[in-house]
Amino acid sequence: MPDYNKIRLICFDLDDTLWPCMPVIMKAEQTLYQWLCVHQPEITGHYTQQQLRQKRLALAQQRADIKHDLTALRKASLRQLAAEFCDDDSWVEQAFEVFYQARQQVEFYADVEPVLNSLKQNYLLASMTNGNADISATSLGHLFDYVLTAESSGAAKPDLAIFNRLIDSSALAADQILFVGDHPLDDIEGSKAAGMHSIWLNRQSIGWPEQTLQPDHSLQTLFEILPLLGAERI
């Protein structure tokens, strides 16, 4: 069993770790689509919401330069639509803001708030995401000391660059950091490759895929992290 006594900082992935991702994304895209229906009806008259999603995913395959930056990618997708249907793209920033604000309307899993409040008493907390969710815009944002995104870091998990940025920002050794996430490659293999401890939060009880680097522990809820760290149960 790993020795967690040296841990000083716990970093959490966001989507599907602290809240379910797809309901948030689908609601945000629906909100954007409704806005487009009013302000850019030529677009919604030609494409359904699902077709716009597929068009954006296809663009991601073509734009490897911004594939890690989902904000830039979504704006590029909107500009692509502007070029297709009108000469003016001045509405793109406002449209993205409509999506972005809806993107932050998350519903935390039931274990998140009590566990984070407990951990905050003894540890620094950080978040790291490949998406454009902003933990600072949520009701628990005040608990986090470090907020890292693929957009601000110039690299997405599992690239070592984003993990090293956390190490540099916190001025801690890698083995003083515990990473908690749901994605076997992005979260677990990435953090382990950077020298961090890792916990796989396997809420769906799926089998571990064949990856090179295994997590230190696999948990189904965040409540289970407390006894691992010697903290009291809630």
Protein backbone atom coordinates (compact mmCIF):
# COMPACT_ATOMS: atom_id res chain seq x y z
CA MET A 1 0.00 0.00 0.00
CA PRO A 2 1.38 3.45 -0.90
CA ASP A 3 2.48 5.73 1.91
CA TYR A 4 0.22 8.76 1.73
CA ASN A 5 1.80 10.51 4.70
CA LYS A 6 3.80 12.76 2.37
CA ILE A 7 0.73 14.01 0.49
CA ARG A 8 0.29 17.77 0.69
CA LEU A 9 -1.94 18.44 -2.32
CA ILE A 10 -4.86 16.53 -3.85
CA CYS A 11 -5.76 17.28 -7.46
CA PHE A 12 -9.14 16.37 -8.92
CA ASP A 13 -10.30 15.89 -12.46
CA LEU A 14 -13.66 17.60 -13.00
CA ASP A 15 -15.99 16.00 -15.58
CA ASP A 16 -17.28 12.58 -14.46
CA THR A 17 -15.20 12.89 -11.29
CA LEU A 18 -16.91 15.73 -9.43
CA TRP A 19 -20.07 15.80 -11.56
CA PRO A 20 -21.59 13.85 -14.47
CA CYS A 21 -20.33 15.41 -17.70
CA MET A 22 -22.73 14.62 -20.55
CA PRO A 23 -25.90 16.03 -18.97
CA VAL A 24 -24.07 19.35 -18.51
CA ILE A 25 -22.70 19.39 -22.06
CA MET A 26 -26.00 18.43 -23.66
CA LYS A 27 -27.91 21.08 -21.70
CA ALA A 28 -25.31 23.73 -22.59
CA GLU A 29 -25.46 22.78 -26.27
CA GLN A 30 -29.25 22.90 -26.15
CA THR A 31 -29.07 26.38 -24.60
CA LEU A 32 -26.71 27.48 -27.37
CA TYR A 33 -28.92 25.93 -30.04
CA GLN A 34 -31.96 27.80 -28.72
CA TRP A 35 -29.93 31.02 -28.86
CA LEU A 36 -28.95 30.27 -32.44
CA CYS A 37 -32.59 29.64 -33.32
CA VAL A 38 -33.34 33.24 -32.37
CA HIS A 39 -30.17 35.01 -33.52
CA GLN A 40 -28.93 32.84 -36.41
CA PRO A 41 -31.99 30.96 -37.70
CA GLU A 42 -30.30 30.16 -41.02
CA ILE A 43 -27.97 27.82 -39.17
CA THR A 44 -30.61 25.99 -37.16
CA GLY A 45 -32.84 25.82 -40.22
CA HIS A 46 -30.15 23.76 -41.89
CA TYR A 47 -28.61 21.78 -39.01
CA THR A 48 -30.09 19.95 -36.06
CA GLN A 49 -28.39 20.16 -32.68
CA GLN A 50 -26.91 16.68 -33.21
CA GLN A 51 -25.65 17.60 -36.68
CA LEU A 52 -23.87 20.64 -35.25
CA ARG A 53 -22.20 18.38 -32.69
CA GLN A 54 -21.00 16.00 -35.41
CA LYS A 55 -19.76 18.93 -37.47
CA ARG A 56 -17.73 20.20 -34.50
CA LEU A 57 -16.27 16.75 -33.81
CA ALA A 58 -15.23 16.49 -37.46
CA LEU A 59 -13.51 19.87 -37.18
CA ALA A 60 -11.59 18.60 -34.14
CA GLN A 61 -10.07 15.89 -36.31
CA GLN A 62 -8.93 18.50 -38.81
CA ARG A 63 -7.53 20.99 -36.29
CA ALA A 64 -4.86 19.12 -34.36
CA ASP A 65 -3.35 22.50 -33.43
CA ILE A 66 -6.28 23.36 -31.15
CA LYS A 67 -7.67 19.91 -30.39
CA HIS A 68 -6.51 20.26 -26.77
CA ASP A 69 -8.25 23.65 -26.39
CA LEU A 70 -11.99 23.03 -26.37
CA THR A 71 -12.78 26.73 -26.06
CA ALA A 72 -10.80 27.58 -29.19
CA LEU A 73 -12.26 24.58 -30.96
CA ARG A 74 -15.84 25.51 -30.17
CA LYS A 75 -15.25 29.10 -31.28
CA ALA A 76 -13.64 27.84 -34.48
CA SER A 77 -16.72 25.71 -35.09
CA LEU A 78 -18.98 28.74 -34.68
CA ARG A 79 -16.78 30.78 -37.04
CA GLN A 80 -17.01 27.95 -39.55
CA LEU A 81 -20.80 28.26 -39.39
CA ALA A 82 -20.57 32.02 -39.76
CA ALA A 83 -18.49 31.61 -42.90
CA GLU A 84 -20.98 29.10 -44.26
CA PHE A 85 -24.14 31.11 -43.69
CA CYS A 86 -23.23 34.76 -43.34
CA ASP A 87 -20.41 37.24 -43.82
CA ASP A 88 -20.43 38.46 -40.24
CA ASP A 89 -18.91 36.53 -37.33
CA SER A 90 -19.31 39.29 -34.73
CA TRP A 91 -21.90 37.14 -32.95
CA VAL A 92 -19.52 34.26 -32.27
CA GLU A 93 -18.14 35.54 -28.95
CA GLN A 94 -21.62 36.16 -27.59
CA ALA A 95 -22.78 32.74 -28.74
CA PHE A 96 -19.83 31.06 -27.06
CA GLU A 97 -20.52 32.98 -23.84
CA VAL A 98 -24.08 31.62 -23.86
CA PHE A 99 -22.65 28.10 -24.08
CA TYR A 100 -19.89 28.79 -21.55
CA GLN A 101 -22.20 30.11 -18.84
CA ALA A 102 -24.49 27.11 -19.25
CA ARG A 103 -21.42 24.82 -19.17
CA GLN A 104 -20.73 25.92 -15.59
CA GLN A 105 -24.17 24.90 -14.32
CA VAL A 106 -23.05 21.61 -12.84
CA GLU A 107 -24.64 19.29 -10.30
CA PHE A 108 -22.05 17.75 -8.00
CA TYR A 109 -22.17 14.10 -7.04
CA ALA A 110 -23.48 13.71 -3.50
CA ASP A 111 -20.09 12.78 -2.05
CA VAL A 112 -18.19 15.77 -3.45
CA GLU A 113 -19.05 18.66 -1.13
CA PRO A 114 -18.65 16.83 2.21
CA VAL A 115 -15.40 15.12 1.15
CA LEU A 116 -13.82 18.27 -0.29
CA ASN A 117 -14.70 20.24 2.82
CA SER A 118 -13.11 17.55 4.96
CA LEU A 119 -9.96 17.30 2.84
CA LYS A 120 -9.55 21.08 2.72
CA GLN A 121 -8.81 21.05 6.46
CA ASN A 122 -5.50 19.27 5.88
CA TYR A 123 -4.57 19.52 2.20
CA LEU A 124 -4.17 21.94 -0.63
CA LEU A 125 -6.70 21.24 -3.38
CA ALA A 126 -6.33 21.58 -7.14
CA SER A 127 -8.41 20.86 -10.22
CA MET A 128 -7.20 19.82 -13.66
CA THR A 129 -9.39 19.42 -16.72
CA ASN A 130 -9.11 18.92 -20.46
CA GLY A 131 -12.48 20.62 -20.85
CA ASN A 132 -13.62 24.21 -20.40
CA ALA A 133 -15.42 23.76 -17.13
CA ASP A 134 -14.37 26.32 -14.52
CA ILE A 135 -14.43 25.08 -10.95
CA SER A 136 -14.01 28.70 -9.82
CA ALA A 137 -17.46 29.48 -11.23
CA THR A 138 -19.13 26.82 -9.08
CA SER A 139 -20.28 26.87 -5.47
CA LEU A 140 -17.16 24.94 -4.40
CA GLY A 141 -14.64 27.06 -6.25
CA HIS A 142 -13.41 28.72 -3.05
CA LEU A 143 -11.98 25.40 -1.87
CA PHE A 144 -9.38 25.17 -4.65
CA ASP A 145 -5.88 26.56 -4.42
CA TYR A 146 -4.85 25.72 -8.01
CA VAL A 147 -6.96 25.54 -11.16
CA LEU A 148 -5.40 24.07 -14.30
CA THR A 149 -6.92 23.61 -17.74
CA ALA A 150 -5.63 22.29 -21.02
CA GLU A 151 -6.35 25.71 -22.50
CA SER A 152 -4.21 27.63 -19.99
CA SER A 153 -1.48 24.97 -19.89
CA GLY A 154 -1.12 24.56 -23.65
CA ALA A 155 -1.43 20.78 -23.29
CA ALA A 156 -4.07 18.24 -22.41
CA LYS A 157 -3.86 15.21 -20.15
CA PRO A 158 -2.09 12.78 -20.37
CA ASP A 159 0.65 15.10 -21.67
CA LEU A 160 3.25 15.52 -18.93
CA ALA A 161 3.33 19.27 -19.52
CA ILE A 162 0.05 19.91 -17.72
CA PHE A 163 1.03 17.74 -14.74
CA ASN A 164 4.45 19.38 -14.55
CA ARG A 165 2.74 22.76 -14.50
CA LEU A 166 0.96 21.76 -11.31
CA ILE A 167 4.22 20.53 -9.81
CA ASP A 168 5.93 23.81 -10.67
CA SER A 169 3.03 26.01 -9.52
CA SER A 170 2.72 24.28 -6.17
CA ALA A 171 6.50 23.99 -5.61
CA LEU A 172 5.91 20.46 -4.36
CA ALA A 173 7.58 17.20 -5.29
CA ALA A 174 5.50 14.95 -7.55
CA ASP A 175 5.16 12.31 -4.82
CA GLN A 176 3.57 14.91 -2.53
CA ILE A 177 0.62 15.14 -4.92
CA LEU A 178 -2.32 12.74 -5.14
CA PHE A 179 -4.37 12.79 -8.34
CA VAL A 180 -8.00 11.64 -8.35
CA GLY A 181 -9.78 11.06 -11.65
CA ASP A 182 -12.07 8.81 -13.65
CA HIS A 183 -10.13 8.41 -16.91
CA PRO A 184 -7.62 5.53 -16.98
CA LEU A 185 -5.33 7.12 -19.57
CA ASP A 186 -5.74 10.88 -19.13
CA ASP A 187 -5.95 10.92 -15.34
CA ILE A 188 -4.27 7.80 -14.03
CA GLU A 189 -1.55 6.94 -16.51
CA GLY A 190 -0.80 10.63 -17.00
CA SER A 191 -0.41 11.41 -13.31
CA LYS A 192 1.56 8.23 -12.61
CA ALA A 193 3.94 9.02 -15.47
CA ALA A 194 4.51 12.41 -13.83
CA GLY A 195 5.46 10.69 -10.57
CA MET A 196 2.28 11.44 -8.65
CA HIS A 197 0.18 9.09 -6.58
CA SER A 198 -3.16 8.29 -8.20
CA ILE A 199 -6.63 7.12 -7.32
CA TRP A 200 -9.01 5.87 -9.97
CA LEU A 201 -12.55 6.99 -9.14
CA ASN A 202 -14.51 4.22 -10.82
CA ARG A 203 -18.09 5.29 -10.16
CA GLN A 204 -19.48 3.00 -12.86
CA SER A 205 -17.65 -0.15 -11.67
CA ILE A 206 -16.09 -0.82 -15.07
CA GLY A 207 -13.11 -3.07 -15.66
CA TRP A 208 -9.63 -1.58 -15.75
CA PRO A 209 -8.38 -1.41 -19.37
CA GLU A 210 -4.98 -2.75 -20.29
CA GLN A 211 -2.79 0.20 -19.49
CA THR A 212 0.87 0.24 -18.55
CA LEU A 213 0.48 2.15 -15.30
CA GLN A 214 -1.99 1.04 -12.66
CA PRO A 215 -3.65 3.33 -10.07
CA ASP A 216 -2.58 3.11 -6.44
CA HIS A 217 -6.20 2.47 -5.50
CA SER A 218 -9.56 2.11 -7.20
CA LEU A 219 -12.56 3.62 -5.42
CA GLN A 220 -16.26 3.83 -6.21
CA THR A 221 -16.99 6.95 -4.16
CA LEU A 222 -14.98 9.82 -2.76
CA PHE A 223 -16.02 8.84 0.75
CA GLU A 224 -13.55 5.95 0.49
CA ILE A 225 -10.62 8.34 0.15
CA LEU A 226 -10.90 9.53 3.74
CA PRO A 227 -9.84 6.32 5.54
CA LEU A 228 -7.04 5.87 2.98
CA LEU A 229 -5.61 9.19 4.09
CA GLY A 230 -6.21 8.53 7.76
CA ALA A 231 -9.12 10.95 7.92
CA GLU A 232 -12.32 10.33 9.82
CA ARG A 233 -15.35 9.02 8.00
CA ILE A 234 -18.13 11.54 7.37
